Amino acid sequence: MKISQFFSHYGISENPFSQEDASTDHVFSSHCLAGVYHPGWDKIFGKPDRPSTSVVFGEKGAGKTALRLQMINELRKYNRENPNSRSFIIEYDDFNPFLDNFRERLHGRSRNAERAVRKWRLWDHMDAILTLGTTKLVDRILNYKQEQDPGTSITEESMQQLTRNERRDVLLLSAFYDRTFDDNPLSRWQMLRRKLSYSNLKSWKELAIGTGVTLLVLIIAIWQQLFQGYWKWILLAIFAGWVVFLWKQAKLAWAAYAVSRQLRVIDRIPSVLRNILTRFPRAELQGQPIPSRNRSDDRYELLVKFQSILKTLGYDQIIVLVDRVDEPHLINGSAERMKDLIWPMFDNKFLKHPGFGFKMLLPSDMAPFLQKQERDFYERSRLDKQNLIMSLNWSGEALYDMTNDRLKACSEDQDKPVNVQTLFDESVNKSQLVDTFSRLRVPRHLFKFFHRLMVDHCSKYTDDDPNWKISRETLQTTLALYQRDLEAFDRGAGTL
């Protein structure tokens, strides 16, 4: 007897439990994205117009990725309904590029994976977030990789509202943080400058002075025939004309070198960065924050500039979604390395930065480290103010409702959807199903268990002599075997 035959008998068009990862789960993305929420959803998500920080710990399969996708879906819906007060979404969930660049900057024994992650600091997170945000903003301004959702677009009218200082700030952020492999950095920056209609003729003043002085001296020397006896004075006069230009280039070269050293999460070639900074008028660069030191002060000022630009473009809030912390190859599932990577973010000044909302979806393996922290950590992080959820476990009743929702989503007759209890014979009542689901704890185990249950039931019968009801004996036997394998998996001694 086939599983598809079993589901077809009940008018279920596809297997509701075939996928275990929300990012590849067709049933979740097409039917359950806006309908099946974790009981703690309201506390985790909050209100889009009043961004707040949430710190959530959940075991593998508890639905952290599903939460992230649901938050993105809700934020996009909010953006469509509120075009003048949108939320700018930054998905901080792929750490590999940043960790790879970070590790390359280290030397000797520090390049060891464990030692490398220990050197990660708060400003490295800020640089990574600014990189993601700035690259996404520049893509939208240039109409690169434009999302189909109309709530994400940046109109020409909104760009016209940018002041000259804000246009300069966009270009300054782009010089430091725009990370793309589609175009040469200088040509992309030039396209952005033209798109923003940012005039930079004054940036060529020093070059024009040097060129003008050189031509003037040479004309006078030729006219007066001074080359034979006065060539040293001619060279000195030409050099004097280039002093201001050379001094500016030396300062910018040093600044570019310092930035390339301190931006440890992305590559910045000093010569290219100097070439870009040369195209700013000197007066407009004076006093601007430059991420050239091991500190967070400059990054906070750049965050404020980033927020001001987005506010003019119709984005009042910035939401940062942190997920998949355990997946980078430099972390390799190590709870200790995850802690070293994420702990610098637990800074109340950062997490409560006005206009920002951080949604941190973290593996439960990190939670025990909270009990080992000193008082200074709690005073700095103020986790009591961060909507902390220590466990993302699901109750049996919540999993029971989720099962019914997924069955309904796959039912051909939406007016008479299949109930999970319909799949079992009369000896299995609702309370027993709820108790069974509560032992599974999280959706991923529920889906794995249901798949195994379908296989066990259908393997007992033939196509010619099917049985459409799962017995109590099959339910209990499959549960016992699954729990045994689950315990072995938790000990690292087996697979599921």
Foldseek 3Di string as FASTA:
>chain_A
DDLCVLLVVQQFQDDLLPDQDCVPRPLCVPFVLAPADFPCLCLQLPDQLAFAFEAEAEAPQFCLVSSVSSSVVVQLVVLVVQVQAHAAEFEAEDQQLQLVLLLVLDDDPCSQLLNSLLPDAPVLVLLVRLLRRLQLVLCQLVVHPDDPRPSSHFDPVLLVLDDLLLLVLSLVSLLQRHDDDPDDSVVSSVVSCVSSVHDQPLLCVLVCQLVVQLVVLVVVCVVVVPCPPCVVVSVVSSVVSNPVVVVLLVVLLVLLVLSQSQNRRDHDDSVSSSVSVSSHNPVSPPPQQRRRDPDCPSSLSSVVSSCVSVSSRNHQAYEYEYDNLCPHPSNVNPLSSSCSNCLNCLFCCNCPPPRYHYNHYHYLSNLVVVVVDDPVSCVGRVVVRRNYHNYSWHALVSVQVVVQSSQLSRRPDNVDGDHPCVQADPVDDPVNSSVLSRVLGRSSSVSVLVVVLSVQQQVVDDPVGHDRHRYPVSSVVSSVVSVVQVVCVVVVNHDD
